[in-house]
Amino acid sequence: MAGIDKLAERVERLLLRHEELQRTHALTSQQLAAVESERDSLKSRLSAARQRIDALLDRLPHNDTTPSGAPEAAPAHAVENTAP
């Protein structure tokens, strides 16, 4: 009978651990959803800011050279962001 009691105790511990892991998983999933939502919001805000900057850059007068006579650098909106 001692073997059955030990087995029952181990099964109870496994069930408790399983429930704990399920709660942890649910919490982690909620946190992930929140972070993904924040990321999407930030990406949207970044895109809107880039559009506003591009619109402002388009309003600037276009010169072929800078006042020093050196060619202008590429406009900021022409540089592609390669970061993820």
N, C-alpha and C. Protein backbone atom coordinates (compact mmCIF):
# COMPACT_ATOMS: atom_id res chain seq x y z
N MET A 1 0.80 -1.20 0.00
CA MET A 1 0.00 0.00 0.00
C MET A 1 0.85 1.27 0.00
N ALA A 2 2.05 1.19 0.57
CA ALA A 2 2.91 2.36 0.62
C ALA A 2 3.26 2.83 -0.79
N GLY A 3 3.42 1.88 -1.71
CA GLY A 3 3.72 2.23 -3.10
C GLY A 3 2.59 3.00 -3.74
N ILE A 4 1.36 2.59 -3.45
CA ILE A 4 0.20 3.28 -4.01
C ILE A 4 0.08 4.69 -3.43
N ASP A 5 0.35 4.84 -2.12
CA ASP A 5 0.30 6.15 -1.48
C ASP A 5 1.35 7.09 -2.07
N LYS A 6 2.55 6.57 -2.29
CA LYS A 6 3.61 7.39 -2.90
C LYS A 6 3.24 7.79 -4.32
N LEU A 7 2.67 6.86 -5.05
CA LEU A 7 2.24 7.16 -6.41
C LEU A 7 1.15 8.21 -6.43
N ALA A 8 0.19 8.07 -5.52
CA ALA A 8 -0.91 9.04 -5.44
C ALA A 8 -0.36 10.42 -5.08
N GLU A 9 0.61 10.47 -4.18
CA GLU A 9 1.23 11.74 -3.79
C GLU A 9 1.95 12.39 -4.98
N ARG A 10 2.67 11.59 -5.74
CA ARG A 10 3.37 12.11 -6.91
C ARG A 10 2.39 12.61 -7.96
N VAL A 11 1.29 11.88 -8.13
CA VAL A 11 0.27 12.31 -9.10
C VAL A 11 -0.32 13.64 -8.66
N GLU A 12 -0.59 13.81 -7.36
CA GLU A 12 -1.13 15.07 -6.84
C GLU A 12 -0.14 16.21 -7.10
N ARG A 13 1.13 15.97 -6.84
CA ARG A 13 2.14 17.01 -7.08
C ARG A 13 2.23 17.36 -8.56
N LEU A 14 2.13 16.34 -9.42
CA LEU A 14 2.15 16.60 -10.86
C LEU A 14 0.94 17.42 -11.29
N LEU A 15 -0.23 17.12 -10.72
CA LEU A 15 -1.43 17.88 -11.05
C LEU A 15 -1.30 19.34 -10.60
N LEU A 16 -0.75 19.55 -9.41
CA LEU A 16 -0.54 20.91 -8.92
C LEU A 16 0.45 21.67 -9.81
N ARG A 17 1.52 20.98 -10.18
CA ARG A 17 2.51 21.61 -11.06
C ARG A 17 1.90 21.93 -12.42
N HIS A 18 1.08 21.04 -12.93
CA HIS A 18 0.42 21.27 -14.22
C HIS A 18 -0.48 22.50 -14.13
N GLU A 19 -1.25 22.63 -13.07
CA GLU A 19 -2.12 23.80 -12.89
C GLU A 19 -1.30 25.08 -12.80
N GLU A 20 -0.18 25.00 -12.08
CA GLU A 20 0.70 26.17 -11.95
C GLU A 20 1.25 26.57 -13.32
N LEU A 21 1.66 25.60 -14.10
CA LEU A 21 2.18 25.88 -15.44
C LEU A 21 1.10 26.45 -16.35
N GLN A 22 -0.13 25.98 -16.20
CA GLN A 22 -1.22 26.53 -17.00
C GLN A 22 -1.45 28.00 -16.66
N ARG A 23 -1.42 28.34 -15.36
CA ARG A 23 -1.59 29.74 -14.95
C ARG A 23 -0.44 30.60 -15.47
N THR A 24 0.77 30.08 -15.38
CA THR A 24 1.93 30.81 -15.87
C THR A 24 1.82 31.04 -17.38
N HIS A 25 1.41 30.02 -18.08
CA HIS A 25 1.24 30.13 -19.53
C HIS A 25 0.19 31.19 -19.88
N ALA A 26 -0.93 31.17 -19.16
CA ALA A 26 -1.99 32.16 -19.42
C ALA A 26 -1.48 33.58 -19.17
N LEU A 27 -0.74 33.78 -18.10
CA LEU A 27 -0.19 35.09 -17.79
C LEU A 27 0.82 35.52 -18.86
N THR A 28 1.67 34.60 -19.25
CA THR A 28 2.66 34.91 -20.28
C THR A 28 1.98 35.24 -21.61
N SER A 29 0.94 34.54 -21.93
CA SER A 29 0.20 34.82 -23.17
C SER A 29 -0.43 36.21 -23.12
N GLN A 30 -0.97 36.59 -21.97
CA GLN A 30 -1.55 37.93 -21.83
C GLN A 30 -0.47 39.00 -21.97
N GLN A 31 0.69 38.77 -21.35
CA GLN A 31 1.78 39.73 -21.45
C GLN A 31 2.27 39.85 -22.89
N LEU A 32 2.36 38.74 -23.59
CA LEU A 32 2.78 38.75 -24.98
C LEU A 32 1.79 39.55 -25.83
N ALA A 33 0.51 39.33 -25.61
CA ALA A 33 -0.51 40.06 -26.37
C ALA A 33 -0.39 41.57 -26.11
N ALA A 34 -0.13 41.95 -24.86
CA ALA A 34 0.01 43.36 -24.52
C ALA A 34 1.24 43.96 -25.21
N VAL A 35 2.34 43.23 -25.20
CA VAL A 35 3.57 43.72 -25.83
C VAL A 35 3.39 43.82 -27.35
N GLU A 36 2.73 42.84 -27.94
CA GLU A 36 2.48 42.88 -29.38
C GLU A 36 1.60 44.07 -29.74
N SER A 37 0.60 44.33 -28.93
CA SER A 37 -0.29 45.47 -29.16
C SER A 37 0.49 46.79 -29.06
N GLU A 38 1.35 46.88 -28.04
CA GLU A 38 2.16 48.09 -27.89
C GLU A 38 3.11 48.25 -29.07
N ARG A 39 3.71 47.15 -29.52
CA ARG A 39 4.61 47.19 -30.68
C ARG A 39 3.87 47.68 -31.92
N ASP A 40 2.67 47.15 -32.15
CA ASP A 40 1.89 47.56 -33.32
C ASP A 40 1.53 49.05 -33.24
N SER A 41 1.20 49.51 -32.04
CA SER A 41 0.88 50.92 -31.86
C SER A 41 2.11 51.79 -32.14
N LEU A 42 3.27 51.38 -31.63
CA LEU A 42 4.50 52.13 -31.87
C LEU A 42 4.88 52.14 -33.35
N LYS A 43 4.69 51.01 -34.02
CA LYS A 43 4.98 50.96 -35.45
C LYS A 43 4.08 51.91 -36.22
N SER A 44 2.81 51.97 -35.82
CA SER A 44 1.87 52.87 -36.47
C SER A 44 2.25 54.32 -36.24
N ARG A 45 2.63 54.64 -35.00
CA ARG A 45 3.04 56.00 -34.69
C ARG A 45 4.31 56.38 -35.44
N LEU A 46 5.25 55.43 -35.55
CA LEU A 46 6.48 55.67 -36.29
C LEU A 46 6.18 55.95 -37.76
N SER A 47 5.30 55.16 -38.33
CA SER A 47 4.93 55.35 -39.73
C SER A 47 4.29 56.73 -39.94
N ALA A 48 3.41 57.12 -39.05
CA ALA A 48 2.77 58.43 -39.16
C ALA A 48 3.80 59.55 -39.03
N ALA A 49 4.75 59.38 -38.11
CA ALA A 49 5.80 60.40 -37.94
C ALA A 49 6.67 60.48 -39.19
N ARG A 50 6.99 59.34 -39.77
CA ARG A 50 7.79 59.35 -41.00
C ARG A 50 7.05 60.05 -42.12
N GLN A 51 5.76 59.81 -42.22
CA GLN A 51 4.96 60.48 -43.26
C GLN A 51 4.96 61.99 -43.05
N ARG A 52 4.84 62.42 -41.78
CA ARG A 52 4.86 63.86 -41.51
C ARG A 52 6.23 64.46 -41.85
N ILE A 53 7.29 63.75 -41.52
CA ILE A 53 8.64 64.23 -41.84
C ILE A 53 8.83 64.29 -43.34
N ASP A 54 8.39 63.27 -44.05
CA ASP A 54 8.50 63.27 -45.51
C ASP A 54 7.73 64.45 -46.10
N ALA A 55 6.55 64.73 -45.58
CA ALA A 55 5.76 65.85 -46.07
C ALA A 55 6.49 67.17 -45.82
N LEU A 56 7.11 67.29 -44.65
CA LEU A 56 7.87 68.51 -44.36
C LEU A 56 9.09 68.63 -45.27
N LEU A 57 9.78 67.51 -45.50
CA LEU A 57 10.94 67.53 -46.38
C LEU A 57 10.54 67.91 -47.81
N ASP A 58 9.39 67.44 -48.25
CA ASP A 58 8.91 67.77 -49.59
C ASP A 58 8.60 69.26 -49.73
N ARG A 59 8.29 69.91 -48.62
CA ARG A 59 7.98 71.34 -48.65
C ARG A 59 9.23 72.21 -48.69
N LEU A 60 10.38 71.63 -48.35
CA LEU A 60 11.63 72.39 -48.37
C LEU A 60 12.04 72.67 -49.81
N PRO A 61 12.69 73.83 -50.02
CA PRO A 61 13.16 74.10 -51.39
C PRO A 61 14.24 73.09 -51.77
N HIS A 62 14.23 72.71 -53.03
CA HIS A 62 15.20 71.73 -53.52
C HIS A 62 16.37 72.46 -54.15
N ASN A 63 17.58 72.21 -53.64
CA ASN A 63 18.81 72.77 -54.18
C ASN A 63 19.69 71.63 -54.64
N ASP A 64 20.45 71.88 -55.72
CA ASP A 64 21.37 70.85 -56.19
C ASP A 64 22.64 70.79 -55.36
N THR A 65 23.00 71.90 -54.73
CA THR A 65 24.21 71.94 -53.92
C THR A 65 23.91 72.62 -52.60
N THR A 66 24.77 72.37 -51.63
CA THR A 66 24.65 73.05 -50.34
C THR A 66 25.32 74.41 -50.48
N PRO A 67 25.15 75.30 -49.50
CA PRO A 67 25.78 76.62 -49.62
C PRO A 67 27.29 76.56 -49.81
N SER A 68 27.96 75.52 -49.34
CA SER A 68 29.41 75.42 -49.50
C SER A 68 29.79 74.96 -50.90
N GLY A 69 28.82 74.55 -51.70
CA GLY A 69 29.09 74.09 -53.05
C GLY A 69 29.24 72.59 -53.15
N ALA A 70 29.24 71.89 -52.02
CA ALA A 70 29.34 70.43 -52.04
C ALA A 70 27.96 69.84 -52.32
N PRO A 71 27.90 68.70 -52.94
CA PRO A 71 26.58 68.08 -53.21
C PRO A 71 25.87 67.75 -51.90
N GLU A 72 24.55 67.83 -51.97
CA GLU A 72 23.74 67.51 -50.79
C GLU A 72 23.79 66.03 -50.49
N ALA A 73 23.64 65.71 -49.22
CA ALA A 73 23.52 64.31 -48.80
C ALA A 73 22.12 63.83 -49.17
N ALA A 74 21.95 62.53 -49.22
CA ALA A 74 20.63 61.96 -49.51
C ALA A 74 19.65 62.41 -48.43
N PRO A 75 18.41 62.74 -48.81
CA PRO A 75 17.43 63.16 -47.80
C PRO A 75 17.17 62.03 -46.80
N ALA A 76 16.81 62.44 -45.59
CA ALA A 76 16.60 61.47 -44.52
C ALA A 76 15.54 60.45 -44.86
N HIS A 77 14.51 60.85 -45.60
CA HIS A 77 13.43 59.91 -45.91
C HIS A 77 13.85 58.89 -46.97
N ALA A 78 14.99 59.13 -47.62
CA ALA A 78 15.46 58.18 -48.63
C ALA A 78 16.29 57.06 -48.00
N VAL A 79 16.68 57.24 -46.77
CA VAL A 79 17.47 56.23 -46.07
C VAL A 79 16.53 55.20 -45.48
N GLU A 80 16.71 53.96 -45.84
CA GLU A 80 15.81 52.90 -45.36
C GLU A 80 16.28 52.37 -44.03
N ASN A 81 15.36 52.20 -43.09
CA ASN A 81 15.68 51.63 -41.79
C ASN A 81 15.70 50.12 -41.94
N THR A 82 16.84 49.51 -41.61
CA THR A 82 16.95 48.05 -41.75
C THR A 82 16.77 47.33 -40.44
N ALA A 83 16.53 48.08 -39.35
CA ALA A 83 16.34 47.44 -38.05
C ALA A 83 14.99 46.74 -38.03
N PRO A 84 14.88 45.61 -37.32
CA PRO A 84 13.60 44.87 -37.26
C PRO A 84 12.55 45.61 -36.49
